[in-house]
Protein backbone atom coordinates (compact mmCIF):
# COMPACT_ATOMS: atom_id res chain seq x y z
CA MET A 1 129.88 251.72 198.01
CA PRO A 2 131.46 254.69 196.19
CA ILE A 3 129.47 257.93 195.91
CA VAL A 4 129.69 259.67 192.55
CA TYR A 5 128.51 263.20 191.79
CA LEU A 6 127.36 263.88 188.24
CA LEU A 7 126.27 267.11 186.55
CA THR A 8 123.58 266.84 183.90
CA GLY A 9 122.62 269.72 181.66
CA GLY A 10 121.29 270.80 178.32
CA ASN A 11 119.74 273.63 176.34
CA ILE A 12 118.04 272.04 173.30
CA GLY A 13 114.49 270.71 173.26
CA ASN A 14 112.46 269.91 176.37
CA THR A 15 115.40 270.07 178.77
CA ASN A 16 113.38 269.19 181.87
CA LEU A 17 112.31 265.96 180.16
CA GLU A 18 115.85 265.26 178.94
CA LEU A 19 117.28 265.70 182.47
CA SER A 20 114.65 263.31 183.79
CA LYS A 21 115.43 260.74 181.08
CA ALA A 22 119.16 261.03 181.76
CA ALA A 23 118.63 260.48 185.51
CA ALA A 24 116.53 257.37 184.81
CA MET A 25 119.16 255.96 182.44
CA ILE A 26 121.94 256.69 184.94
CA HIS A 27 119.93 254.96 187.67
CA GLU A 28 119.44 251.93 185.43
CA ARG A 29 122.97 251.66 183.98
CA VAL A 30 125.40 253.27 186.44
CA GLY A 31 123.96 253.04 189.95
CA GLY A 32 121.22 254.19 192.25
CA VAL A 33 120.46 257.90 192.19
CA ARG A 34 120.33 258.70 195.92
CA LYS A 35 119.65 262.43 195.63
CA ALA A 36 119.02 265.02 192.93
CA SER A 37 119.45 268.77 193.27
CA GLU A 38 116.83 271.23 192.16
CA ILE A 39 117.11 272.21 188.51
CA TYR A 40 119.04 275.42 187.92
CA ARG A 41 118.77 277.85 185.00
CA THR A 42 122.27 278.95 184.08
CA GLU A 43 124.06 281.20 181.62
CA PRO A 44 125.97 279.37 178.90
CA TRP A 45 129.69 278.97 179.56
CA GLY A 46 132.31 279.64 176.90
CA ASN A 47 129.86 280.52 174.12
CA PRO A 48 127.30 283.12 175.24
CA ASN A 49 125.45 283.12 171.89
CA GLN A 50 123.03 280.33 172.76
CA GLN A 51 120.05 279.59 175.00
CA TYR A 52 120.45 279.32 178.76
CA PHE A 53 121.06 275.84 180.16
CA LEU A 54 119.22 273.81 182.74
CA ASN A 55 121.57 271.93 185.08
CA GLN A 56 121.16 269.39 187.87
CA VAL A 57 123.56 267.45 190.09
CA LEU A 58 122.90 263.80 190.90
CA GLU A 59 124.37 261.85 193.80
CA VAL A 60 124.83 258.27 192.63
CA GLU A 61 125.90 255.14 194.48
CA SER A 62 127.81 252.83 192.13
CA VAL A 63 130.04 249.77 192.33
CA MET A 64 131.51 250.61 188.92
CA LYS A 65 135.02 251.94 188.40
CA PRO A 66 135.33 255.58 187.24
CA GLU A 67 136.45 254.76 183.67
CA ASP A 68 133.53 252.33 183.27
CA ILE A 69 131.09 254.97 184.54
CA MET A 70 132.48 257.49 182.07
CA SER A 71 132.01 255.01 179.23
CA LYS A 72 128.37 254.47 180.26
CA LEU A 73 127.77 258.23 180.52
CA LEU A 74 129.14 258.86 177.02
CA ALA A 75 126.93 256.07 175.67
CA ILE A 76 123.87 257.61 177.37
CA GLU A 77 124.71 261.02 175.88
CA GLN A 78 125.04 259.53 172.41
CA GLU A 79 121.83 257.52 172.74
CA MET A 80 120.00 260.70 173.79
CA GLY A 81 121.21 262.54 170.68
CA ARG A 82 124.30 264.39 171.89
CA VAL A 83 126.42 265.61 168.99
CA ARG A 84 130.03 266.67 169.61
CA ASP A 85 131.10 268.98 166.80
CA LYS A 86 132.40 272.10 168.53
CA LYS A 87 133.37 272.96 172.10
CA TRP A 88 130.69 274.80 174.12
CA GLU A 89 127.97 274.23 171.56
CA PRO A 90 124.25 273.83 172.34
CA ARG A 91 123.37 270.28 173.37
CA VAL A 92 120.45 268.02 174.20
CA ILE A 93 122.33 266.53 177.15
CA ASP A 94 125.72 266.77 178.77
CA ILE A 95 126.78 264.52 181.64
CA ASP A 96 129.97 265.27 183.56
CA MET A 97 131.49 263.22 186.35
CA LEU A 98 132.44 265.72 189.04
CA LEU A 99 133.66 263.54 191.90
CA TYR A 100 134.11 259.85 192.67
CA ASP A 101 134.39 259.60 196.46
CA ASN A 102 137.61 261.45 197.30
CA LEU A 103 139.54 259.90 194.41
CA ILE A 104 142.20 261.91 192.61
CA HIS A 105 142.64 260.39 189.15
CA GLU A 106 144.06 261.45 185.81
CA SER A 107 144.06 259.51 182.55
CA ASP A 108 143.66 260.26 178.85
CA THR A 109 139.88 259.99 179.16
CA LEU A 110 139.05 261.18 182.68
CA THR A 111 140.28 263.64 185.30
CA LEU A 112 138.85 263.52 188.84
CA PRO A 113 137.83 265.68 190.46
CA HIS A 114 136.52 267.46 187.36
CA PRO A 115 139.25 270.01 186.56
CA HIS A 116 136.84 272.98 186.28
CA LEU A 117 134.42 272.07 189.09
CA HIS A 118 135.70 274.82 191.40
CA LYS A 119 135.51 277.55 188.74
CA ARG A 120 131.87 277.21 187.66
CA ASN A 121 128.88 278.26 189.73
CA PHE A 122 126.53 276.24 187.52
CA VAL A 123 128.33 273.22 188.99
CA LEU A 124 128.99 274.51 192.51
CA ALA A 125 125.47 275.77 193.30
CA PRO A 126 123.60 272.48 192.71
CA LEU A 127 126.49 270.48 194.21
CA ALA A 128 126.45 272.68 197.32
CA GLU A 129 122.71 272.04 197.62
CA LEU A 130 123.37 268.29 197.95
CA ALA A 131 126.76 268.23 199.69
CA PRO A 132 127.83 271.64 201.08
CA ASP A 133 130.33 270.11 203.52
CA LEU A 134 131.93 267.75 201.01
CA ILE A 135 135.67 268.45 200.80
CA HIS A 136 137.28 268.88 197.39
CA PRO A 137 140.06 266.24 197.47
CA VAL A 138 142.65 268.48 195.79
CA LEU A 139 141.80 271.97 197.08
CA GLN A 140 140.85 270.79 200.60
CA GLN A 141 137.94 273.23 200.83
CA SER A 142 134.25 272.44 201.19
CA ILE A 143 131.94 272.85 198.22
CA ALA A 144 130.16 275.64 200.14
CA GLN A 145 133.48 277.46 200.61
CA LEU A 146 134.36 277.09 196.93
CA LEU A 147 130.98 278.54 195.95
CA GLN A 148 131.30 281.40 198.43
CA HIS A 149 134.73 282.39 197.06
CA SER A 150 134.02 281.71 193.39
CA ALA A 151 134.96 284.39 190.87
CA ASP A 152 132.29 283.17 188.43
CA LYS A 153 129.62 285.86 187.95
CA GLY A 154 127.37 283.91 185.57
CA LEU A 155 123.66 283.72 186.37
CA VAL A 156 122.66 280.61 188.31
CA GLU A 157 119.07 280.46 189.60
CA LYS A 158 116.83 277.68 190.90
CA MET A 159 113.88 276.96 188.66
């Protein structure tokens, strides 16, 4: 069964509760959550004039196809109150699909692996906690190597 890595995050409201609700909804609608990283407190990306985020990576086992998973994730975000007005704005919840097995995929609605995964420590740190030896299918480096050589200097700390 395919293994999917998802990043959840938010910075509005009770974010710990929102991350927990998102994980439960993902487990119910997408596939079994096999592992969850610790929760990380991270600097906002793109727009520094907002509260810090809490982020977590989930390892999910799913029989669904990537496009169907993405559709479910967007529906979960909307149901949880996610509003998409401006890029890099504060949000109740954000769910990104990082990897789907070792699939390389590009469409109008989804790019896998996530195109910015290797540039953002708020993604790499929790992902490396769960799967440090996982090889990025395009860059052919482990997640631990990508984190070690990352140029991102934003704060990422375990809660």
